[in-house]
Amino acid sequence: MTTNHSVPVKKGILLVAFGTRTQQALAAYKHVELRVQTDFPGIPIQWAFTSAKRVRTNNYSHLTGQPVDSVEMSLARMMDEGISHLAVQALHVISGKEHHDLTINCHLFGQMRGGFRQVMMGLPLLGTGDDIEKVTAALVSAVPQERKPQEAVIFMGHGSPHPANACYTALMYHLQQVDANIFVGTMSGRPGIADICASLQKQKITSAYLLPCLAVVGNHTLKDMAGDNENSWKSIIEKHGISCKPILKGLAEYDAIVDIWMDHLKTVVGAFS
């Protein structure tokens, strides 16, 4: 949205993630940042975390050398620094509620007089039909090589009350066209782990690999997916008499996945006018 054409063009990139403190997650964020620096040399980069707790307790200055704030604080800072054309790329999987709210807030900043001339939003990982094909290929490649055909592979996504949650079902459909024993479920919404376990028992599957369909390895992966607590997906799967092998590797650790986010960022940066 155009608000002020008198200022010189100064492009900027805002990367957005939920935010977590695990060293593996921080390494994944840094991996993404290095890709952005390589693909967009000379364009300043800032991070914003949507987790209020992460923002309050950590500054993550080792990512960019600058504090990592909430989205709104980062937008205000970049506006004060004279950024005229801002590209926002979130490490979201779907256009769910969090991505919807982020888009609204970023465009509201773009409407401020004397602020950004343009604010452009990059699509999430599963933003288009082509993306689903690309993610399918990337996830199939992520399946452990030692996995046997009769073993299931389960990807755990976050899920959202937003209608975009249907993207996970679409993703599973595409995966199962390649391998009928690959499943995708979500912590919030359908299909859930109970649905998947019922399918595994019906097919008499006794062993499964469990992987996160999440950007980084944080609490959801360590506790909700692979934890020893009774409500974790690992525990629920084992209660159904199925052995479970968790793989702790987030989506942002796969180059083929990061490529998709980078393609979306290239699209919006290339659309600046």
C-alpha atoms as a PDB file:
ATOM      1  CA  MET A   1       0.000   0.000   0.000  1.00  0.00           C
ATOM      2  CA  THR A   2       1.413   3.370  -1.007  1.00  0.00           C
ATOM      3  CA  THR A   3       1.709   6.035   1.686  1.00  0.00           C
ATOM      4  CA  ASN A   4       4.727   8.229   0.929  1.00  0.00           C
ATOM      5  CA  HIS A   5       6.559   8.499  -2.400  1.00  0.00           C
ATOM      6  CA  SER A   6       8.944  11.250  -1.285  1.00  0.00           C
ATOM      7  CA  VAL A   7      11.299   8.958   0.636  1.00  0.00           C
ATOM      8  CA  PRO A   8      14.104   7.107  -1.195  1.00  0.00           C
ATOM      9  CA  VAL A   9      13.657   3.407  -1.894  1.00  0.00           C
ATOM     10  CA  LYS A  10      15.088   1.282   0.899  1.00  0.00           C
ATOM     11  CA  LYS A  11      14.083  -2.372   0.900  1.00  0.00           C
ATOM     12  CA  GLY A  12      13.899  -4.513   4.009  1.00  0.00           C
ATOM     13  CA  ILE A  13      13.000  -8.089   4.922  1.00  0.00           C
ATOM     14  CA  LEU A  14      11.188  -9.154   8.071  1.00  0.00           C
ATOM     15  CA  LEU A  15      11.361 -12.862   8.911  1.00  0.00           C
ATOM     16  CA  VAL A  16       8.695 -14.079  11.299  1.00  0.00           C
ATOM     17  CA  ALA A  17       8.595 -17.231  13.421  1.00  0.00           C
ATOM     18  CA  PHE A  18       6.850 -18.364  16.571  1.00  0.00           C
ATOM     19  CA  GLY A  19      10.117 -18.393  18.492  1.00  0.00           C
ATOM     20  CA  THR A  20      11.695 -21.062  20.661  1.00  0.00           C
ATOM     21  CA  ARG A  21      14.855 -21.386  22.732  1.00  0.00           C
ATOM     22  CA  THR A  22      16.192 -24.801  21.719  1.00  0.00           C
ATOM     23  CA  GLN A  23      19.674 -24.759  20.193  1.00  0.00           C
ATOM     24  CA  GLN A  24      18.437 -26.848  17.272  1.00  0.00           C
ATOM     25  CA  ALA A  25      15.741 -24.280  16.520  1.00  0.00           C
ATOM     26  CA  LEU A  26      18.209 -21.400  16.717  1.00  0.00           C
ATOM     27  CA  ALA A  27      20.496 -23.220  14.278  1.00  0.00           C
ATOM     28  CA  ALA A  28      17.543 -23.664  11.909  1.00  0.00           C
ATOM     29  CA  TYR A  29      16.660 -19.961  12.123  1.00  0.00           C
ATOM     30  CA  LYS A  30      20.274 -19.103  11.358  1.00  0.00           C
ATOM     31  CA  HIS A  31      20.210 -21.477   8.398  1.00  0.00           C
ATOM     32  CA  VAL A  32      17.204 -19.625   6.990  1.00  0.00           C
ATOM     33  CA  GLU A  33      18.814 -16.255   7.639  1.00  0.00           C
ATOM     34  CA  LEU A  34      21.978 -17.246   5.778  1.00  0.00           C
ATOM     35  CA  ARG A  35      19.868 -18.307   2.809  1.00  0.00           C
ATOM     36  CA  VAL A  36      18.119 -14.931   2.822  1.00  0.00           C
ATOM     37  CA  GLN A  37      21.449 -13.108   3.035  1.00  0.00           C
ATOM     38  CA  THR A  38      22.721 -15.124   0.081  1.00  0.00           C
ATOM     39  CA  ASP A  39      19.620 -14.635  -2.059  1.00  0.00           C
ATOM     40  CA  PHE A  40      19.090 -10.963  -1.159  1.00  0.00           C
ATOM     41  CA  PRO A  41      22.524  -9.393  -0.636  1.00  0.00           C
ATOM     42  CA  GLY A  42      22.468  -5.874   0.686  1.00  0.00           C
ATOM     43  CA  ILE A  43      18.881  -5.959   1.942  1.00  0.00           C
ATOM     44  CA  PRO A  44      18.688  -5.567   5.747  1.00  0.00           C
ATOM     45  CA  ILE A  45      16.996  -8.420   7.615  1.00  0.00           C
ATOM     46  CA  GLN A  46      15.187  -8.427  10.925  1.00  0.00           C
ATOM     47  CA  TRP A  47      13.412 -11.178  12.833  1.00  0.00           C
ATOM     48  CA  ALA A  48      10.168 -11.040  14.780  1.00  0.00           C
ATOM     49  CA  PHE A  49       8.737 -13.718  17.029  1.00  0.00           C
ATOM     50  CA  THR A  50       5.009 -14.063  17.588  1.00  0.00           C
ATOM     51  CA  SER A  51       5.479 -15.779  20.936  1.00  0.00           C
ATOM     52  CA  ALA A  52       5.101 -13.124  23.625  1.00  0.00           C
ATOM     53  CA  LYS A  53       7.048 -15.267  26.096  1.00  0.00           C
ATOM     54  CA  ARG A  54      10.002 -15.597  23.730  1.00  0.00           C
ATOM     55  CA  VAL A  55       9.980 -11.848  23.123  1.00  0.00           C
ATOM     56  CA  ARG A  56       9.913 -11.046  26.833  1.00  0.00           C
ATOM     57  CA  THR A  57      12.679 -13.407  27.898  1.00  0.00           C
ATOM     58  CA  ASN A  58      15.161 -13.378  24.984  1.00  0.00           C
ATOM     59  CA  ASN A  59      16.595 -10.839  22.589  1.00  0.00           C
ATOM     60  CA  TYR A  60      18.094 -13.375  20.126  1.00  0.00           C
ATOM     61  CA  SER A  61      20.589 -10.701  19.087  1.00  0.00           C
ATOM     62  CA  HIS A  62      22.957 -13.407  17.824  1.00  0.00           C
ATOM     63  CA  LEU A  63      20.634 -13.952  14.832  1.00  0.00           C
ATOM     64  CA  THR A  64      21.003 -10.539  13.197  1.00  0.00           C
ATOM     65  CA  GLY A  65      22.984  -8.541  15.731  1.00  0.00           C
ATOM     66  CA  GLN A  66      19.765  -6.719  16.645  1.00  0.00           C
ATOM     67  CA  PRO A  67      17.076  -7.421  19.228  1.00  0.00           C
ATOM     68  CA  VAL A  68      14.251  -9.711  18.154  1.00  0.00           C
ATOM     69  CA  ASP A  69      10.910  -8.242  19.148  1.00  0.00           C
ATOM     70  CA  SER A  70       7.240  -8.816  18.489  1.00  0.00           C
ATOM     71  CA  VAL A  71       6.024  -8.258  14.943  1.00  0.00           C
ATOM     72  CA  GLU A  72       4.593  -4.854  15.821  1.00  0.00           C
ATOM     73  CA  MET A  73       7.778  -3.662  17.536  1.00  0.00           C
ATOM     74  CA  SER A  74       9.888  -4.839  14.600  1.00  0.00           C
ATOM     75  CA  LEU A  75       7.599  -3.097  12.105  1.00  0.00           C
ATOM     76  CA  ALA A  76       7.855   0.143  14.063  1.00  0.00           C
ATOM     77  CA  ARG A  77      11.644  -0.129  14.230  1.00  0.00           C
ATOM     78  CA  MET A  78      12.004  -0.783  10.496  1.00  0.00           C
ATOM     79  CA  MET A  79       9.700   2.138   9.752  1.00  0.00           C
ATOM     80  CA  ASP A  80      11.852   4.383  11.952  1.00  0.00           C
ATOM     81  CA  GLU A  81      14.949   3.113  10.119  1.00  0.00           C
ATOM     82  CA  GLY A  82      13.534   4.406   6.839  1.00  0.00           C
ATOM     83  CA  ILE A  83      12.554   1.130   5.194  1.00  0.00           C
ATOM     84  CA  SER A  84      10.229   2.064   2.338  1.00  0.00           C
ATOM     85  CA  HIS A  85       9.534  -1.356   0.793  1.00  0.00           C
ATOM     86  CA  LEU A  86       9.084  -4.209   3.246  1.00  0.00           C
ATOM     87  CA  ALA A  87       8.820  -7.903   2.440  1.00  0.00           C
ATOM     88  CA  VAL A  88       7.475 -10.086   5.258  1.00  0.00           C
ATOM     89  CA  GLN A  89       8.139 -13.814   5.153  1.00  0.00           C
ATOM     90  CA  ALA A  90       6.817 -16.019   7.927  1.00  0.00           C
ATOM     91  CA  LEU A  91       7.963 -19.590   8.485  1.00  0.00           C
ATOM     92  CA  HIS A  92       4.348 -20.715   8.585  1.00  0.00           C
ATOM     93  CA  VAL A  93       3.151 -23.960   7.056  1.00  0.00           C
ATOM     94  CA  ILE A  94      -0.403 -22.878   6.187  1.00  0.00           C
ATOM     95  CA  SER A  95      -2.391 -19.663   5.875  1.00  0.00           C
ATOM     96  CA  GLY A  96      -4.023 -20.314   9.229  1.00  0.00           C
ATOM     97  CA  LYS A  97      -5.212 -17.946  11.923  1.00  0.00           C
ATOM     98  CA  GLU A  98      -1.709 -16.838  12.910  1.00  0.00           C
ATOM     99  CA  HIS A  99      -0.777 -16.036   9.313  1.00  0.00           C
ATOM    100  CA  HIS A 100      -4.117 -14.280   8.802  1.00  0.00           C
ATOM    101  CA  ASP A 101      -3.585 -12.070  11.879  1.00  0.00           C
ATOM    102  CA  LEU A 102       0.002 -11.337  10.831  1.00  0.00           C
ATOM    103  CA  THR A 103      -1.131 -10.231   7.384  1.00  0.00           C
ATOM    104  CA  ILE A 104      -3.761  -7.879   8.805  1.00  0.00           C
ATOM    105  CA  ASN A 105      -1.325  -6.226  11.226  1.00  0.00           C
ATOM    106  CA  CYS A 106       1.410  -5.815   8.606  1.00  0.00           C
ATOM    107  CA  HIS A 107      -0.955  -4.205   6.123  1.00  0.00           C
ATOM    108  CA  LEU A 108      -2.257  -1.858   8.820  1.00  0.00           C
ATOM    109  CA  PHE A 109       1.315  -0.617   9.278  1.00  0.00           C
ATOM    110  CA  GLY A 110       1.468  -0.181   5.525  1.00  0.00           C
ATOM    111  CA  GLN A 111      -1.477   2.215   5.703  1.00  0.00           C
ATOM    112  CA  MET A 112       0.223   4.645   8.091  1.00  0.00           C
ATOM    113  CA  ARG A 113       0.957   8.034   6.587  1.00  0.00           C
ATOM    114  CA  GLY A 114       4.644   8.740   6.185  1.00  0.00           C
ATOM    115  CA  GLY A 115       5.547   5.098   6.739  1.00  0.00           C
ATOM    116  CA  PHE A 116       6.185   2.179   4.410  1.00  0.00           C
ATOM    117  CA  ARG A 117       5.431   2.732   0.737  1.00  0.00           C
ATOM    118  CA  GLN A 118       4.775  -0.970   0.245  1.00  0.00           C
ATOM    119  CA  VAL A 119       4.341  -3.960   2.543  1.00  0.00           C
ATOM    120  CA  MET A 120       4.301  -7.303   0.742  1.00  0.00           C
ATOM    121  CA  MET A 121       3.476 -10.651   2.380  1.00  0.00           C
ATOM    122  CA  GLY A 122       5.164 -13.866   1.298  1.00  0.00           C
ATOM    123  CA  LEU A 123       3.000 -16.974   1.132  1.00  0.00           C
ATOM    124  CA  PRO A 124       3.350 -19.744   3.721  1.00  0.00           C
ATOM    125  CA  LEU A 125       4.822 -23.135   2.863  1.00  0.00           C
ATOM    126  CA  LEU A 126       1.564 -24.591   1.530  1.00  0.00           C
ATOM    127  CA  GLY A 127       0.473 -21.389  -0.164  1.00  0.00           C
ATOM    128  CA  THR A 128      -0.325 -22.802  -3.615  1.00  0.00           C
ATOM    129  CA  GLY A 129      -1.175 -26.084  -5.296  1.00  0.00           C
ATOM    130  CA  ASP A 130       2.349 -26.226  -6.710  1.00  0.00           C
ATOM    131  CA  ASP A 131       3.695 -25.854  -3.171  1.00  0.00           C
ATOM    132  CA  ILE A 132       1.865 -28.992  -2.078  1.00  0.00           C
ATOM    133  CA  GLU A 133       3.573 -30.928  -4.860  1.00  0.00           C
ATOM    134  CA  LYS A 134       6.968 -29.550  -3.844  1.00  0.00           C
ATOM    135  CA  VAL A 135       6.417 -30.209  -0.136  1.00  0.00           C
ATOM    136  CA  THR A 136       5.267 -33.733  -0.953  1.00  0.00           C
ATOM    137  CA  ALA A 137       8.527 -34.432  -2.772  1.00  0.00           C
ATOM    138  CA  ALA A 138      10.562 -32.890   0.062  1.00  0.00           C
ATOM    139  CA  LEU A 139       8.789 -34.910   2.776  1.00  0.00           C
ATOM    140  CA  VAL A 140       9.125 -38.148   0.844  1.00  0.00           C
ATOM    141  CA  SER A 141      12.857 -37.447   0.625  1.00  0.00           C
ATOM    142  CA  ALA A 142      12.906 -36.829   4.391  1.00  0.00           C
ATOM    143  CA  VAL A 143      11.676 -40.355   5.162  1.00  0.00           C
ATOM    144  CA  PRO A 144      14.510 -42.260   6.919  1.00  0.00           C
ATOM    145  CA  GLN A 145      16.332 -44.495   4.455  1.00  0.00           C
ATOM    146  CA  GLU A 146      16.221 -47.439   6.850  1.00  0.00           C
ATOM    147  CA  ARG A 147      12.438 -47.337   7.002  1.00  0.00           C
ATOM    148  CA  LYS A 148      10.742 -50.481   5.674  1.00  0.00           C
ATOM    149  CA  PRO A 149       7.717 -50.232   3.319  1.00  0.00           C
ATOM    150  CA  GLN A 150       5.369 -51.799   5.887  1.00  0.00           C
ATOM    151  CA  GLU A 151       6.286 -49.174   8.488  1.00  0.00           C
ATOM    152  CA  ALA A 152       4.195 -46.027   8.722  1.00  0.00           C
ATOM    153  CA  VAL A 153       5.554 -42.497   8.558  1.00  0.00           C
ATOM    154  CA  ILE A 154       3.570 -39.861  10.469  1.00  0.00           C
ATOM    155  CA  PHE A 155       4.117 -36.106  10.149  1.00  0.00           C
ATOM    156  CA  MET A 156       2.735 -33.994  13.004  1.00  0.00           C
ATOM    157  CA  GLY A 157       1.530 -30.486  12.134  1.00  0.00           C
ATOM    158  CA  HIS A 158       0.299 -27.789  14.465  1.00  0.00           C
ATOM    159  CA  GLY A 159      -3.146 -27.285  12.954  1.00  0.00           C
ATOM    160  CA  SER A 160      -5.471 -24.315  13.091  1.00  0.00           C
ATOM    161  CA  PRO A 161      -9.191 -23.581  13.564  1.00  0.00           C
ATOM    162  CA  HIS A 162      -8.894 -21.700  10.263  1.00  0.00           C
ATOM    163  CA  PRO A 163     -10.319 -23.328   7.089  1.00  0.00           C
ATOM    164  CA  ALA A 164      -6.750 -23.487   5.739  1.00  0.00           C
ATOM    165  CA  ASN A 165      -6.256 -26.472   8.048  1.00  0.00           C
ATOM    166  CA  ALA A 166      -7.616 -28.499   5.102  1.00  0.00           C
ATOM    167  CA  CYS A 167      -4.178 -28.070   3.513  1.00  0.00           C
ATOM    168  CA  TYR A 168      -2.875 -30.816   5.797  1.00  0.00           C
ATOM    169  CA  THR A 169      -5.478 -33.228   4.456  1.00  0.00           C
ATOM    170  CA  ALA A 170      -4.563 -32.229   0.907  1.00  0.00           C
ATOM    171  CA  LEU A 171      -0.903 -32.795   1.714  1.00  0.00           C
ATOM    172  CA  MET A 172      -1.623 -36.274   3.076  1.00  0.00           C
ATOM    173  CA  TYR A 173      -3.616 -37.096  -0.053  1.00  0.00           C
ATOM    174  CA  HIS A 174      -0.628 -36.204  -2.233  1.00  0.00           C
ATOM    175  CA  LEU A 175       1.790 -38.103  -0.007  1.00  0.00           C
ATOM    176  CA  GLN A 176      -0.377 -41.205  -0.080  1.00  0.00           C
ATOM    177  CA  GLN A 177      -0.408 -41.145  -3.861  1.00  0.00           C
ATOM    178  CA  VAL A 178       3.323 -41.817  -3.527  1.00  0.00           C
ATOM    179  CA  ASP A 179       3.262 -44.028  -0.434  1.00  0.00           C
ATOM    180  CA  ALA A 180       0.023 -45.214   1.175  1.00  0.00           C
ATOM    181  CA  ASN A 181       1.705 -45.573   4.582  1.00  0.00           C
ATOM    182  CA  ILE A 182       2.585 -41.881   4.982  1.00  0.00           C
ATOM    183  CA  PHE A 183       0.193 -39.892   7.169  1.00  0.00           C
ATOM    184  CA  VAL A 184      -0.198 -36.239   8.166  1.00  0.00           C
ATOM    185  CA  GLY A 185      -2.029 -35.204  11.327  1.00  0.00           C
ATOM    186  CA  THR A 186      -2.449 -32.082  13.426  1.00  0.00           C
ATOM    187  CA  MET A 187      -2.524 -31.265  17.112  1.00  0.00           C
ATOM    188  CA  SER A 188      -5.483 -28.947  16.504  1.00  0.00           C
ATOM    189  CA  GLY A 189      -8.063 -30.094  13.993  1.00  0.00           C
ATOM    190  CA  ARG A 190      -8.438 -33.164  11.810  1.00  0.00           C
ATOM    191  CA  PRO A 191      -6.982 -35.561  11.103  1.00  0.00           C
ATOM    192  CA  GLY A 192      -5.734 -36.056  14.649  1.00  0.00           C
ATOM    193  CA  ILE A 193      -3.518 -38.746  16.097  1.00  0.00           C
ATOM    194  CA  ALA A 194      -6.555 -40.842  17.121  1.00  0.00           C
ATOM    195  CA  ASP A 195      -7.706 -40.908  13.471  1.00  0.00           C
ATOM    196  CA  ILE A 196      -4.265 -41.975  12.330  1.00  0.00           C
ATOM    197  CA  CYS A 197      -3.899 -44.692  14.987  1.00  0.00           C
ATOM    198  CA  ALA A 198      -7.257 -46.138  13.949  1.00  0.00           C
ATOM    199  CA  SER A 199      -6.012 -46.333  10.350  1.00  0.00           C
ATOM    200  CA  LEU A 200      -2.749 -47.972  11.444  1.00  0.00           C
ATOM    201  CA  GLN A 201      -4.573 -50.625  13.455  1.00  0.00           C
ATOM    202  CA  LYS A 202      -6.975 -51.296  10.598  1.00  0.00           C
ATOM    203  CA  GLN A 203      -3.991 -51.865   8.316  1.00  0.00           C
ATOM    204  CA  LYS A 204      -2.238 -53.971  11.000  1.00  0.00           C
ATOM    205  CA  ILE A 205       0.798 -51.668  10.992  1.00  0.00           C
ATOM    206  CA  THR A 206       3.013 -52.312  14.026  1.00  0.00           C
ATOM    207  CA  SER A 207       5.812 -49.763  13.596  1.00  0.00           C
ATOM    208  CA  ALA A 208       5.873 -46.053  12.757  1.00  0.00           C
ATOM    209  CA  TYR A 209       8.307 -43.203  12.310  1.00  0.00           C
ATOM    210  CA  LEU A 210       7.147 -39.876  13.740  1.00  0.00           C
ATOM    211  CA  LEU A 211       8.382 -36.544  12.365  1.00  0.00           C
ATOM    212  CA  PRO A 212       7.392 -32.883  12.924  1.00  0.00           C
ATOM    213  CA  CYS A 213       5.642 -30.967  10.164  1.00  0.00           C
ATOM    214  CA  LEU A 214       6.764 -27.839  11.995  1.00  0.00           C
ATOM    215  CA  ALA A 215       9.361 -25.217  11.077  1.00  0.00           C
ATOM    216  CA  VAL A 216      11.727 -25.974  13.964  1.00  0.00           C
ATOM    217  CA  VAL A 217      12.241 -28.413  16.808  1.00  0.00           C
ATOM    218  CA  GLY A 218      10.767 -26.742  19.888  1.00  0.00           C
ATOM    219  CA  ASN A 219       8.410 -27.692  22.707  1.00  0.00           C
ATOM    220  CA  HIS A 220       5.737 -29.052  20.370  1.00  0.00           C
ATOM    221  CA  THR A 221       8.226 -31.511  18.920  1.00  0.00           C
ATOM    222  CA  LEU A 222      10.031 -32.366  22.146  1.00  0.00           C
ATOM    223  CA  LYS A 223       6.961 -32.634  24.380  1.00  0.00           C
ATOM    224  CA  ASP A 224       3.766 -32.927  22.334  1.00  0.00           C
ATOM    225  CA  MET A 225       5.239 -35.182  19.668  1.00  0.00           C
ATOM    226  CA  ALA A 226       8.158 -37.138  21.123  1.00  0.00           C
ATOM    227  CA  GLY A 227       7.756 -36.609  24.871  1.00  0.00           C
ATOM    228  CA  ASP A 228       7.303 -39.352  27.462  1.00  0.00           C
ATOM    229  CA  ASN A 229       4.148 -37.767  28.899  1.00  0.00           C
ATOM    230  CA  GLU A 230       0.958 -39.759  28.424  1.00  0.00           C
ATOM    231  CA  ASN A 231      -0.578 -37.254  26.003  1.00  0.00           C
ATOM    232  CA  SER A 232       2.315 -37.102  23.546  1.00  0.00           C
ATOM    233  CA  TRP A 233       1.811 -38.561  20.094  1.00  0.00           C
ATOM    234  CA  LYS A 234       4.605 -41.039  20.767  1.00  0.00           C
ATOM    235  CA  SER A 235       2.868 -42.306  23.914  1.00  0.00           C
ATOM    236  CA  ILE A 236      -0.536 -42.474  22.212  1.00  0.00           C
ATOM    237  CA  ILE A 237       0.896 -44.449  19.306  1.00  0.00           C
ATOM    238  CA  GLU A 238       2.623 -46.863  21.678  1.00  0.00           C
ATOM    239  CA  LYS A 239      -0.596 -47.314  23.665  1.00  0.00           C
ATOM    240  CA  HIS A 240      -2.115 -48.662  20.468  1.00  0.00           C
ATOM    241  CA  GLY A 241       0.542 -51.376  20.391  1.00  0.00           C
ATOM    242  CA  ILE A 242       2.615 -49.688  17.685  1.00  0.00           C
ATOM    243  CA  SER A 243       6.334 -49.097  18.172  1.00  0.00           C
ATOM    244  CA  CYS A 244       7.306 -45.474  17.561  1.00  0.00           C
ATOM    245  CA  LYS A 245      10.568 -43.969  16.334  1.00  0.00           C
ATOM    246  CA  PRO A 246      10.619 -40.141  16.622  1.00  0.00           C
ATOM    247  CA  ILE A 247      12.841 -38.145  14.264  1.00  0.00           C
ATOM    248  CA  LEU A 248      13.714 -34.711  15.655  1.00  0.00           C
ATOM    249  CA  LYS A 249      14.263 -32.566  12.578  1.00  0.00           C
ATOM    250  CA  GLY A 250      12.263 -29.439  11.751  1.00  0.00           C
ATOM    251  CA  LEU A 251      11.157 -28.374   8.278  1.00  0.00           C
ATOM    252  CA  ALA A 252      13.563 -25.419   8.220  1.00  0.00           C
ATOM    253  CA  GLU A 253      16.437 -27.909   8.388  1.00  0.00           C
ATOM    254  CA  TYR A 254      15.589 -29.281   4.925  1.00  0.00           C
ATOM    255  CA  ASP A 255      16.988 -27.252   2.026  1.00  0.00           C
ATOM    256  CA  ALA A 256      14.147 -28.335  -0.273  1.00  0.00           C
ATOM    257  CA  ILE A 257      11.621 -26.878   2.178  1.00  0.00           C
ATOM    258  CA  VAL A 258      13.544 -23.639   2.724  1.00  0.00           C
ATOM    259  CA  ASP A 259      13.681 -23.288  -1.075  1.00  0.00           C
ATOM    260  CA  ILE A 260       9.892 -22.922  -1.112  1.00  0.00           C
ATOM    261  CA  TRP A 261       9.855 -20.145   1.469  1.00  0.00           C
ATOM    262  CA  MET A 262      12.685 -18.434  -0.450  1.00  0.00           C
ATOM    263  CA  ASP A 263      10.714 -18.667  -3.700  1.00  0.00           C
ATOM    264  CA  HIS A 264       7.777 -16.912  -2.020  1.00  0.00           C
ATOM    265  CA  LEU A 265      10.082 -14.206  -0.690  1.00  0.00           C
ATOM    266  CA  LYS A 266      11.630 -13.717  -4.152  1.00  0.00           C
ATOM    267  CA  THR A 267       8.146 -13.281  -5.586  1.00  0.00           C
ATOM    268  CA  VAL A 268       7.227 -10.420  -3.266  1.00  0.00           C
ATOM    269  CA  VAL A 269      10.604  -8.680  -3.409  1.00  0.00           C
ATOM    270  CA  GLY A 270      10.407  -8.877  -7.204  1.00  0.00           C
ATOM    271  CA  ALA A 271       6.927  -7.321  -7.118  1.00  0.00           C
ATOM    272  CA  PHE A 272       8.025  -4.070  -5.450  1.00  0.00           C
ATOM    273  CA  SER A 273       7.147  -1.022  -7.522  1.00  0.00           C
END
